[in-house]
Amino acid sequence: MAEQEKQSTVEWTETAETQFFEVLEYWTERNGSTAYAEKLSNAVWNRTEFLSKNPLASIETDFPDTRKAAMGHYSILY
């Protein structure tokens, strides 16, 4: 039987959550539509799901035990 991959839980800091919702609000107001905000939200959701299953998939940073996953103009630090 194949060994199951260990999945981590994604926990957002209050600051990260606030900034994320501000970005979504910005794009909604700028575009007059939620279409891009929804696309961005889905992309972030998919990336965090991937990272929870593959925590070593992104590059290390200068901060101890911290990695960075690039997403175009945005990055996810975890």
C-alpha atoms as a PDB file:
ATOM      1  CA  MET A   1       0.000   0.000   0.000  1.00  0.00           C
ATOM      2  CA  ALA A   2       1.352   3.424  -0.912  1.00  0.00           C
ATOM      3  CA  GLU A   3       2.280   5.780   1.889  1.00  0.00           C
ATOM      4  CA  GLN A   4      -0.140   8.680   2.249  1.00  0.00           C
ATOM      5  CA  GLU A   5       1.241  12.180   1.933  1.00  0.00           C
ATOM      6  CA  LYS A   6       1.110  14.237   5.074  1.00  0.00           C
ATOM      7  CA  GLN A   7      -1.250  17.173   4.650  1.00  0.00           C
ATOM      8  CA  SER A   8      -0.745  20.363   6.629  1.00  0.00           C
ATOM      9  CA  THR A   9      -3.449  22.749   7.722  1.00  0.00           C
ATOM     10  CA  VAL A  10      -3.429  26.241   6.252  1.00  0.00           C
ATOM     11  CA  GLU A  11      -3.925  28.894   8.900  1.00  0.00           C
ATOM     12  CA  TRP A  12      -4.169  32.526   7.833  1.00  0.00           C
ATOM     13  CA  THR A  13      -2.860  35.291  10.051  1.00  0.00           C
ATOM     14  CA  GLU A  14      -5.298  38.095  10.748  1.00  0.00           C
ATOM     15  CA  THR A  15      -3.097  40.456   8.719  1.00  0.00           C
ATOM     16  CA  ALA A  16      -2.946  38.115   5.729  1.00  0.00           C
ATOM     17  CA  GLU A  17      -6.695  37.583   5.767  1.00  0.00           C
ATOM     18  CA  THR A  18      -7.364  41.322   5.984  1.00  0.00           C
ATOM     19  CA  GLN A  19      -4.950  42.098   3.156  1.00  0.00           C
ATOM     20  CA  PHE A  20      -6.413  39.352   0.977  1.00  0.00           C
ATOM     21  CA  PHE A  21      -9.960  40.660   1.379  1.00  0.00           C
ATOM     22  CA  GLU A  22      -8.732  44.202   0.691  1.00  0.00           C
ATOM     23  CA  VAL A  23      -7.160  43.003  -2.573  1.00  0.00           C
ATOM     24  CA  LEU A  24     -10.395  41.266  -3.584  1.00  0.00           C
ATOM     25  CA  GLU A  25     -12.394  44.394  -2.717  1.00  0.00           C
ATOM     26  CA  TYR A  26      -9.988  46.572  -4.715  1.00  0.00           C
ATOM     27  CA  TRP A  27     -10.388  44.459  -7.857  1.00  0.00           C
ATOM     28  CA  THR A  28     -14.163  44.276  -7.439  1.00  0.00           C
ATOM     29  CA  GLU A  29     -14.435  48.066  -7.161  1.00  0.00           C
ATOM     30  CA  ARG A  30     -11.905  48.725  -9.929  1.00  0.00           C
ATOM     31  CA  ASN A  31     -13.570  46.378 -12.401  1.00  0.00           C
ATOM     32  CA  GLY A  32     -17.164  46.931 -11.310  1.00  0.00           C
ATOM     33  CA  SER A  33     -17.507  43.166 -11.205  1.00  0.00           C
ATOM     34  CA  THR A  34     -16.531  40.266  -8.958  1.00  0.00           C
ATOM     35  CA  ALA A  35     -15.271  38.143 -11.879  1.00  0.00           C
ATOM     36  CA  TYR A  36     -11.542  38.833 -11.416  1.00  0.00           C
ATOM     37  CA  ALA A  37     -11.781  38.735  -7.608  1.00  0.00           C
ATOM     38  CA  GLU A  38     -13.428  35.310  -7.864  1.00  0.00           C
ATOM     39  CA  LYS A  39     -10.741  34.114 -10.277  1.00  0.00           C
ATOM     40  CA  LEU A  40      -8.006  35.341  -7.925  1.00  0.00           C
ATOM     41  CA  SER A  41      -9.729  33.811  -4.900  1.00  0.00           C
ATOM     42  CA  ASN A  42      -9.970  30.439  -6.656  1.00  0.00           C
ATOM     43  CA  ALA A  43      -6.294  30.619  -7.676  1.00  0.00           C
ATOM     44  CA  VAL A  44      -5.241  31.343  -4.075  1.00  0.00           C
ATOM     45  CA  TRP A  45      -7.477  28.559  -2.774  1.00  0.00           C
ATOM     46  CA  ASN A  46      -6.007  26.073  -5.257  1.00  0.00           C
ATOM     47  CA  ARG A  47      -2.437  27.120  -4.451  1.00  0.00           C
ATOM     48  CA  THR A  48      -2.940  26.876  -0.678  1.00  0.00           C
ATOM     49  CA  GLU A  49      -4.515  23.443  -1.107  1.00  0.00           C
ATOM     50  CA  PHE A  50      -1.498  22.369  -3.176  1.00  0.00           C
ATOM     51  CA  LEU A  51       0.919  23.805  -0.591  1.00  0.00           C
ATOM     52  CA  SER A  52      -0.884  22.057   2.262  1.00  0.00           C
ATOM     53  CA  LYS A  53      -0.136  18.754   0.507  1.00  0.00           C
ATOM     54  CA  ASN A  54       3.318  19.748  -0.759  1.00  0.00           C
ATOM     55  CA  PRO A  55       4.808  22.097   1.852  1.00  0.00           C
ATOM     56  CA  LEU A  56       8.329  21.932   0.398  1.00  0.00           C
ATOM     57  CA  ALA A  57       7.239  22.855  -3.131  1.00  0.00           C
ATOM     58  CA  SER A  58       8.181  26.535  -2.902  1.00  0.00           C
ATOM     59  CA  ILE A  59      11.398  28.406  -2.258  1.00  0.00           C
ATOM     60  CA  GLU A  60      12.922  29.092   1.130  1.00  0.00           C
ATOM     61  CA  THR A  61      13.220  32.677   2.331  1.00  0.00           C
ATOM     62  CA  ASP A  62      15.701  34.455   4.595  1.00  0.00           C
ATOM     63  CA  PHE A  63      13.175  34.093   7.421  1.00  0.00           C
ATOM     64  CA  PRO A  64      13.472  30.918   9.521  1.00  0.00           C
ATOM     65  CA  ASP A  65      11.018  28.167   8.570  1.00  0.00           C
ATOM     66  CA  THR A  66       9.315  30.381   5.982  1.00  0.00           C
ATOM     67  CA  ARG A  67       8.737  29.677   2.299  1.00  0.00           C
ATOM     68  CA  LYS A  68       7.376  31.771  -0.540  1.00  0.00           C
ATOM     69  CA  ALA A  69       5.066  30.666  -3.345  1.00  0.00           C
ATOM     70  CA  ALA A  70       4.882  33.192  -6.175  1.00  0.00           C
ATOM     71  CA  MET A  71       1.555  33.855  -7.869  1.00  0.00           C
ATOM     72  CA  GLY A  72       2.146  36.453 -10.560  1.00  0.00           C
ATOM     73  CA  HIS A  73       2.115  39.834  -8.821  1.00  0.00           C
ATOM     74  CA  TYR A  74       1.316  38.203  -5.470  1.00  0.00           C
ATOM     75  CA  SER A  75       3.166  35.835  -3.165  1.00  0.00           C
ATOM     76  CA  ILE A  76       2.043  33.469  -0.447  1.00  0.00           C
ATOM     77  CA  LEU A  77       4.382  33.338   2.529  1.00  0.00           C
ATOM     78  CA  TYR A  78       4.022  30.287   4.704  1.00  0.00           C
END
